[in-house]
Amino acid sequence: MAGKVSSKDSLTIDCPMCDVEITITQDDRPGDQIFCVYCSTPLKIRKKKETDEIYLEEDF
């Protein structure tokens, strides 16, 4: 799912596994690995080339 702007410095994206909202800050960049705070799934921050849209992908 695409990100939703939640404030000036952060973005809220749903976890692809459990649908919990995860806040992505400006410090988090495409290619970084993060973990869902609820289900602990490892996730990689990705960016669509065509639209620069940020999304999360499972990183098993």
PDB file of N, CA and C in Angstrom:
ATOM      1  N   MET A   1       0.843  -1.174   0.000  1.00  0.00           N
ATOM      2  CA  MET A   1       0.000   0.000   0.000  1.00  0.00           C
ATOM      3  C   MET A   1       0.886   1.235   0.000  1.00  0.00           C
ATOM      4  N   ALA A   2       0.461   2.260  -0.640  1.00  0.00           N
ATOM      5  CA  ALA A   2       1.201   3.503  -0.722  1.00  0.00           C
ATOM      6  C   ALA A   2       1.165   4.241   0.607  1.00  0.00           C
ATOM      7  N   GLY A   3       2.113   5.120   0.784  1.00  0.00           N
ATOM      8  CA  GLY A   3       2.204   5.869   2.021  1.00  0.00           C
ATOM      9  C   GLY A   3       1.230   7.031   2.079  1.00  0.00           C
ATOM     10  N   LYS A   4       0.852   7.396   3.298  1.00  0.00           N
ATOM     11  CA  LYS A   4      -0.004   8.545   3.534  1.00  0.00           C
ATOM     12  C   LYS A   4       0.786   9.523   4.390  1.00  0.00           C
ATOM     13  N   VAL A   5       0.781  10.787   4.032  1.00  0.00           N
ATOM     14  CA  VAL A   5       1.510  11.780   4.809  1.00  0.00           C
ATOM     15  C   VAL A   5       0.779  11.999   6.119  1.00  0.00           C
ATOM     16  N   SER A   6       1.508  11.795   7.243  1.00  0.00           N
ATOM     17  CA  SER A   6       0.877  11.956   8.548  1.00  0.00           C
ATOM     18  C   SER A   6       1.323  13.232   9.252  1.00  0.00           C
ATOM     19  N   SER A   7       2.474  13.759   8.880  1.00  0.00           N
ATOM     20  CA  SER A   7       2.940  15.040   9.387  1.00  0.00           C
ATOM     21  C   SER A   7       4.018  15.540   8.443  1.00  0.00           C
ATOM     22  N   LYS A   8       4.583  16.669   8.748  1.00  0.00           N
ATOM     23  CA  LYS A   8       5.590  17.258   7.866  1.00  0.00           C
ATOM     24  C   LYS A   8       6.817  16.365   7.703  1.00  0.00           C
ATOM     25  N   ASP A   9       7.214  15.657   8.752  1.00  0.00           N
ATOM     26  CA  ASP A   9       8.456  14.893   8.733  1.00  0.00           C
ATOM     27  C   ASP A   9       8.269  13.388   8.709  1.00  0.00           C
ATOM     28  N   SER A  10       7.056  12.891   8.551  1.00  0.00           N
ATOM     29  CA  SER A  10       6.866  11.441   8.576  1.00  0.00           C
ATOM     30  C   SER A  10       5.767  11.011   7.610  1.00  0.00           C
ATOM     31  N   LEU A  11       5.736   9.708   7.384  1.00  0.00           N
ATOM     32  CA  LEU A  11       4.814   9.084   6.450  1.00  0.00           C
ATOM     33  C   LEU A  11       4.266   7.842   7.131  1.00  0.00           C
ATOM     34  N   THR A  12       2.986   7.546   6.976  1.00  0.00           N
ATOM     35  CA  THR A  12       2.391   6.358   7.571  1.00  0.00           C
ATOM     36  C   THR A  12       2.066   5.358   6.469  1.00  0.00           C
ATOM     37  N   ILE A  13       2.581   4.126   6.620  1.00  0.00           N
ATOM     38  CA  ILE A  13       2.370   3.063   5.646  1.00  0.00           C
ATOM     39  C   ILE A  13       1.894   1.824   6.393  1.00  0.00           C
ATOM     40  N   ASP A  14       0.948   1.092   5.816  1.00  0.00           N
ATOM     41  CA  ASP A  14       0.444  -0.136   6.436  1.00  0.00           C
ATOM     42  C   ASP A  14       1.418  -1.287   6.223  1.00  0.00           C
ATOM     43  N   CYS A  15       1.602  -2.098   7.260  1.00  0.00           N
ATOM     44  CA  CYS A  15       2.414  -3.309   7.160  1.00  0.00           C
ATOM     45  C   CYS A  15       1.729  -4.254   6.168  1.00  0.00           C
ATOM     46  N   PRO A  16       2.463  -4.810   5.199  1.00  0.00           N
ATOM     47  CA  PRO A  16       1.839  -5.712   4.232  1.00  0.00           C
ATOM     48  C   PRO A  16       1.399  -7.049   4.833  1.00  0.00           C
ATOM     49  N   MET A  17       1.881  -7.386   6.027  1.00  0.00           N
ATOM     50  CA  MET A  17       1.516  -8.650   6.662  1.00  0.00           C
ATOM     51  C   MET A  17       0.310  -8.515   7.593  1.00  0.00           C
ATOM     52  N   CYS A  18       0.292  -7.477   8.439  1.00  0.00           N
ATOM     53  CA  CYS A  18      -0.753  -7.388   9.465  1.00  0.00           C
ATOM     54  C   CYS A  18      -1.596  -6.109   9.387  1.00  0.00           C
ATOM     55  N   ASP A  19      -1.303  -5.219   8.465  1.00  0.00           N
ATOM     56  CA  ASP A  19      -2.049  -3.976   8.235  1.00  0.00           C
ATOM     57  C   ASP A  19      -1.967  -2.950   9.359  1.00  0.00           C
ATOM     58  N   VAL A  20      -1.005  -3.083  10.260  1.00  0.00           N
ATOM     59  CA  VAL A  20      -0.780  -2.072  11.287  1.00  0.00           C
ATOM     60  C   VAL A  20      -0.090  -0.878  10.626  1.00  0.00           C
ATOM     61  N   GLU A  21      -0.453   0.337  11.033  1.00  0.00           N
ATOM     62  CA  GLU A  21       0.181   1.526  10.477  1.00  0.00           C
ATOM     63  C   GLU A  21       1.587   1.685  11.054  1.00  0.00           C
ATOM     64  N   ILE A  22       2.565   1.869  10.174  1.00  0.00           N
ATOM     65  CA  ILE A  22       3.961   2.051  10.560  1.00  0.00           C
ATOM     66  C   ILE A  22       4.375   3.451  10.125  1.00  0.00           C
ATOM     67  N   THR A  23       4.993   4.199  11.031  1.00  0.00           N
ATOM     68  CA  THR A  23       5.445   5.545  10.714  1.00  0.00           C
ATOM     69  C   THR A  23       6.869   5.494  10.173  1.00  0.00           C
ATOM     70  N   ILE A  24       7.056   6.077   9.007  1.00  0.00           N
ATOM     71  CA  ILE A  24       8.359   6.179   8.369  1.00  0.00           C
ATOM     72  C   ILE A  24       8.805   7.629   8.517  1.00  0.00           C
ATOM     73  N   THR A  25       9.990   7.860   9.083  1.00  0.00           N
ATOM     74  CA  THR A  25      10.495   9.217   9.269  1.00  0.00           C
ATOM     75  C   THR A  25      11.435   9.593   8.130  1.00  0.00           C
ATOM     76  N   GLN A  26      11.878  10.841   8.116  1.00  0.00           N
ATOM     77  CA  GLN A  26      12.811  11.294   7.084  1.00  0.00           C
ATOM     78  C   GLN A  26      14.153  10.578   7.183  1.00  0.00           C
ATOM     79  N   ASP A  27      14.483  10.037   8.345  1.00  0.00           N
ATOM     80  CA  ASP A  27      15.736   9.294   8.512  1.00  0.00           C
ATOM     81  C   ASP A  27      15.694   7.947   7.801  1.00  0.00           C
ATOM     82  N   ASP A  28      14.503   7.401   7.571  1.00  0.00           N
ATOM     83  CA  ASP A  28      14.337   6.115   6.890  1.00  0.00           C
ATOM     84  C   ASP A  28      14.358   6.348   5.388  1.00  0.00           C
ATOM     85  N   ARG A  29      15.224   5.614   4.701  1.00  0.00           N
ATOM     86  CA  ARG A  29      15.409   5.781   3.257  1.00  0.00           C
ATOM     87  C   ARG A  29      15.049   4.508   2.503  1.00  0.00           C
ATOM     88  N   PRO A  30      14.696   4.623   1.219  1.00  0.00           N
ATOM     89  CA  PRO A  30      14.487   3.417   0.410  1.00  0.00           C
ATOM     90  C   PRO A  30      15.716   2.515   0.467  1.00  0.00           C
ATOM     91  N   GLY A  31      15.475   1.222   0.663  1.00  0.00           N
ATOM     92  CA  GLY A  31      16.559   0.255   0.818  1.00  0.00           C
ATOM     93  C   GLY A  31      16.824  -0.108   2.269  1.00  0.00           C
ATOM     94  N   ASP A  32      16.376   0.728   3.212  1.00  0.00           N
ATOM     95  CA  ASP A  32      16.556   0.436   4.635  1.00  0.00           C
ATOM     96  C   ASP A  32      15.636  -0.700   5.063  1.00  0.00           C
ATOM     97  N   GLN A  33      16.097  -1.483   6.032  1.00  0.00           N
ATOM     98  CA  GLN A  33      15.264  -2.538   6.601  1.00  0.00           C
ATOM     99  C   GLN A  33      14.719  -2.056   7.938  1.00  0.00           C
ATOM    100  N   ILE A  34      13.418  -2.251   8.137  1.00  0.00           N
ATOM    101  CA  ILE A  34      12.770  -1.942   9.406  1.00  0.00           C
ATOM    102  C   ILE A  34      11.961  -3.165   9.816  1.00  0.00           C
ATOM    103  N   PHE A  35      11.423  -3.136  11.029  1.00  0.00           N
ATOM    104  CA  PHE A  35      10.604  -4.241  11.524  1.00  0.00           C
ATOM    105  C   PHE A  35       9.254  -3.701  11.960  1.00  0.00           C
ATOM    106  N   CYS A  36       8.197  -4.440  11.648  1.00  0.00           N
ATOM    107  CA  CYS A  36       6.858  -4.070  12.093  1.00  0.00           C
ATOM    108  C   CYS A  36       6.824  -4.136  13.619  1.00  0.00           C
ATOM    109  N   VAL A  37       6.273  -3.111  14.234  1.00  0.00           N
ATOM    110  CA  VAL A  37       6.218  -3.060  15.695  1.00  0.00           C
ATOM    111  C   VAL A  37       5.223  -4.060  16.265  1.00  0.00           C
ATOM    112  N   TYR A  38       4.288  -4.527  15.445  1.00  0.00           N
ATOM    113  CA  TYR A  38       3.265  -5.458  15.927  1.00  0.00           C
ATOM    114  C   TYR A  38       3.619  -6.919  15.655  1.00  0.00           C
ATOM    115  N   CYS A  39       3.919  -7.254  14.398  1.00  0.00           N
ATOM    116  CA  CYS A  39       4.148  -8.660  14.035  1.00  0.00           C
ATOM    117  C   CYS A  39       5.629  -9.007  13.864  1.00  0.00           C
ATOM    118  N   SER A  40       6.510  -8.023  13.983  1.00  0.00           N
ATOM    119  CA  SER A  40       7.972  -8.195  13.891  1.00  0.00           C
ATOM    120  C   SER A  40       8.462  -8.692  12.530  1.00  0.00           C
ATOM    121  N   THR A  41       7.664  -8.544  11.493  1.00  0.00           N
ATOM    122  CA  THR A  41       8.089  -8.931  10.150  1.00  0.00           C
ATOM    123  C   THR A  41       9.184  -7.980   9.670  1.00  0.00           C
ATOM    124  N   PRO A  42      10.284  -8.516   9.133  1.00  0.00           N
ATOM    125  CA  PRO A  42      11.299  -7.635   8.544  1.00  0.00           C
ATOM    126  C   PRO A  42      10.760  -7.045   7.238  1.00  0.00           C
ATOM    127  N   LEU A  43      10.883  -5.740   7.098  1.00  0.00           N
ATOM    128  CA  LEU A  43      10.345  -5.032   5.940  1.00  0.00           C
ATOM    129  C   LEU A  43      11.428  -4.170   5.311  1.00  0.00           C
ATOM    130  N   LYS A  44      11.405  -4.061   4.007  1.00  0.00           N
ATOM    131  CA  LYS A  44      12.332  -3.195   3.294  1.00  0.00           C
ATOM    132  C   LYS A  44      11.535  -2.035   2.715  1.00  0.00           C
ATOM    133  N   ILE A  45      12.066  -0.825   2.899  1.00  0.00           N
ATOM    134  CA  ILE A  45      11.438   0.364   2.345  1.00  0.00           C
ATOM    135  C   ILE A  45      11.793   0.427   0.861  1.00  0.00           C
ATOM    136  N   ARG A  46      10.784   0.536   0.021  1.00  0.00           N
ATOM    137  CA  ARG A  46      10.969   0.578  -1.435  1.00  0.00           C
ATOM    138  C   ARG A  46      10.346   1.851  -1.999  1.00  0.00           C
ATOM    139  N   LYS A  47      10.787   2.212  -3.199  1.00  0.00           N
ATOM    140  CA  LYS A  47      10.277   3.399  -3.879  1.00  0.00           C
ATOM    141  C   LYS A  47       9.991   3.042  -5.331  1.00  0.00           C
ATOM    142  N   LYS A  48       8.774   3.343  -5.788  1.00  0.00           N
ATOM    143  CA  LYS A  48       8.420   3.102  -7.190  1.00  0.00           C
ATOM    144  C   LYS A  48       9.141   4.117  -8.067  1.00  0.00           C
ATOM    145  N   LYS A  49       9.788   3.639  -9.119  1.00  0.00           N
ATOM    146  CA  LYS A  49      10.563   4.519  -9.998  1.00  0.00           C
ATOM    147  C   LYS A  49       9.685   5.504 -10.762  1.00  0.00           C
ATOM    148  N   GLU A  50       8.518   5.045 -11.205  1.00  0.00           N
ATOM    149  CA  GLU A  50       7.658   5.897 -12.026  1.00  0.00           C
ATOM    150  C   GLU A  50       7.059   7.064 -11.246  1.00  0.00           C
ATOM    151  N   THR A  51       6.679   6.813  -9.996  1.00  0.00           N
ATOM    152  CA  THR A  51       5.927   7.816  -9.239  1.00  0.00           C
ATOM    153  C   THR A  51       6.628   8.303  -7.975  1.00  0.00           C
ATOM    154  N   ASP A  52       7.771   7.718  -7.613  1.00  0.00           N
ATOM    155  CA  ASP A  52       8.478   8.035  -6.362  1.00  0.00           C
ATOM    156  C   ASP A  52       7.641   7.721  -5.130  1.00  0.00           C
ATOM    157  N   GLU A  53       6.646   6.850  -5.281  1.00  0.00           N
ATOM    158  CA  GLU A  53       5.778   6.443  -4.180  1.00  0.00           C
ATOM    159  C   GLU A  53       6.522   5.444  -3.283  1.00  0.00           C
ATOM    160  N   ILE A  54       6.449   5.651  -1.968  1.00  0.00           N
ATOM    161  CA  ILE A  54       7.113   4.788  -0.993  1.00  0.00           C
ATOM    162  C   ILE A  54       6.161   3.662  -0.593  1.00  0.00           C
ATOM    163  N   TYR A  55       6.698   2.435  -0.480  1.00  0.00           N
ATOM    164  CA  TYR A  55       5.907   1.298  -0.015  1.00  0.00           C
ATOM    165  C   TYR A  55       6.808   0.340   0.753  1.00  0.00           C
ATOM    166  N   LEU A  56       6.201  -0.600   1.478  1.00  0.00           N
ATOM    167  CA  LEU A  56       6.945  -1.595   2.246  1.00  0.00           C
ATOM    168  C   LEU A  56       6.798  -2.961   1.596  1.00  0.00           C
ATOM    169  N   GLU A  57       7.882  -3.739   1.651  1.00  0.00           N
ATOM    170  CA  GLU A  57       7.893  -5.081   1.078  1.00  0.00           C
ATOM    171  C   GLU A  57       8.505  -6.030   2.101  1.00  0.00           C
ATOM    172  N   GLU A  58       7.936  -7.235   2.223  1.00  0.00           N
ATOM    173  CA  GLU A  58       8.488  -8.224   3.143  1.00  0.00           C
ATOM    174  C   GLU A  58       9.928  -8.525   2.741  1.00  0.00           C
ATOM    175  N   ASP A  59      10.806  -8.668   3.723  1.00  0.00           N
ATOM    176  CA  ASP A  59      12.230  -8.905   3.459  1.00  0.00           C
ATOM    177  C   ASP A  59      12.664 -10.162   4.198  1.00  0.00           C
ATOM    178  N   PHE A  60      12.241 -11.329   3.688  1.00  0.00           N
ATOM    179  CA  PHE A  60      12.558 -12.601   4.337  1.00  0.00           C
ATOM    180  C   PHE A  60      13.894 -13.114   3.888  1.00  0.00           C
TER     181      PHE A  60
END
